[in-house]
Amino acid sequence: MKIILDIKDNKVAFFLEMLKNFTFIKQVTPISNSKANFINEIKDALNELELVKEGKLDAKSADDLINEL
């Protein structure tokens, strides 16, 4: 399982050191804020797609998307 955490800058070193002491944690990989934002945007888009598939949200046509550009 993967988890994204937003940790205060002044606590990052402490938190990373603490994680090293847990044997069940396989890997700790810090990512940049821009990558975290990108992941959240993709997650939101997938959630919207699921709502469209369920008929709970109307989808935009390709022409509407092109016209927005």
Protein backbone atom coordinates (compact mmCIF):
# COMPACT_ATOMS: atom_id res chain seq x y z
CA MET A 1 0.00 0.00 0.00
CA LYS A 2 1.17 3.50 -0.76
CA ILE A 3 0.33 6.56 1.36
CA ILE A 4 0.95 10.24 0.68
CA LEU A 5 1.54 12.38 3.77
CA ASP A 6 1.91 16.13 4.03
CA ILE A 7 4.38 16.78 6.86
CA LYS A 8 5.51 20.12 8.25
CA ASP A 9 9.00 20.96 7.00
CA ASN A 10 10.45 21.23 10.50
CA LYS A 11 9.30 17.67 11.35
CA VAL A 12 10.39 15.84 8.17
CA ALA A 13 13.80 14.71 9.46
CA PHE A 14 12.29 13.40 12.69
CA PHE A 15 9.52 11.59 10.84
CA LEU A 16 11.87 9.97 8.31
CA GLU A 17 14.17 8.81 11.10
CA MET A 18 11.19 7.34 12.95
CA LEU A 19 10.05 5.46 9.84
CA LYS A 20 13.48 3.83 9.47
CA ASN A 21 12.88 2.05 12.80
CA PHE A 22 9.77 0.22 11.58
CA THR A 23 10.71 -3.14 10.05
CA PHE A 24 7.39 -3.44 8.18
CA ILE A 25 8.03 -0.33 6.06
CA LYS A 26 9.59 -1.41 2.76
CA GLN A 27 10.72 1.93 1.37
CA VAL A 28 10.43 5.66 2.04
CA THR A 29 10.59 7.85 -1.05
CA PRO A 30 10.08 11.60 -0.63
CA ILE A 31 8.41 13.32 -3.60
CA SER A 32 8.19 16.97 -4.57
CA ASN A 33 5.11 19.09 -3.98
CA SER A 34 4.51 19.29 -7.73
CA LYS A 35 4.50 15.49 -8.04
CA ALA A 36 2.15 15.18 -5.07
CA ASN A 37 -0.18 17.76 -6.64
CA PHE A 38 -0.07 15.87 -9.95
CA ILE A 39 -0.97 12.62 -8.20
CA ASN A 40 -3.90 14.32 -6.46
CA GLU A 41 -5.12 15.81 -9.75
CA ILE A 42 -5.02 12.38 -11.42
CA LYS A 43 -6.87 10.87 -8.46
CA ASP A 44 -9.55 13.58 -8.71
CA ALA A 45 -9.89 13.00 -12.46
CA LEU A 46 -10.34 9.25 -11.92
CA ASN A 47 -12.99 9.92 -9.28
CA GLU A 48 -14.83 12.19 -11.73
CA LEU A 49 -14.60 9.51 -14.41
CA GLU A 50 -16.14 7.00 -12.03
CA LEU A 51 -19.01 9.43 -11.33
CA VAL A 52 -19.57 9.83 -15.07
CA LYS A 53 -19.65 6.05 -15.50
CA GLU A 54 -22.21 5.80 -12.68
CA GLY A 55 -24.33 8.50 -14.34
CA LYS A 56 -23.95 10.84 -11.36
CA LEU A 57 -22.02 13.45 -13.37
CA ASP A 58 -22.42 14.66 -16.93
CA ALA A 59 -19.41 14.31 -19.20
CA LYS A 60 -18.23 17.07 -21.53
CA SER A 61 -18.00 16.32 -25.22
CA ALA A 62 -14.63 16.43 -27.00
CA ASP A 63 -15.83 19.50 -28.91
CA ASP A 64 -16.56 21.33 -25.64
CA LEU A 65 -13.08 20.48 -24.33
CA ILE A 66 -11.44 21.72 -27.55
CA ASN A 67 -13.47 24.93 -27.46
CA GLU A 68 -12.26 25.63 -23.92
CA LEU A 69 -8.69 25.75 -25.24
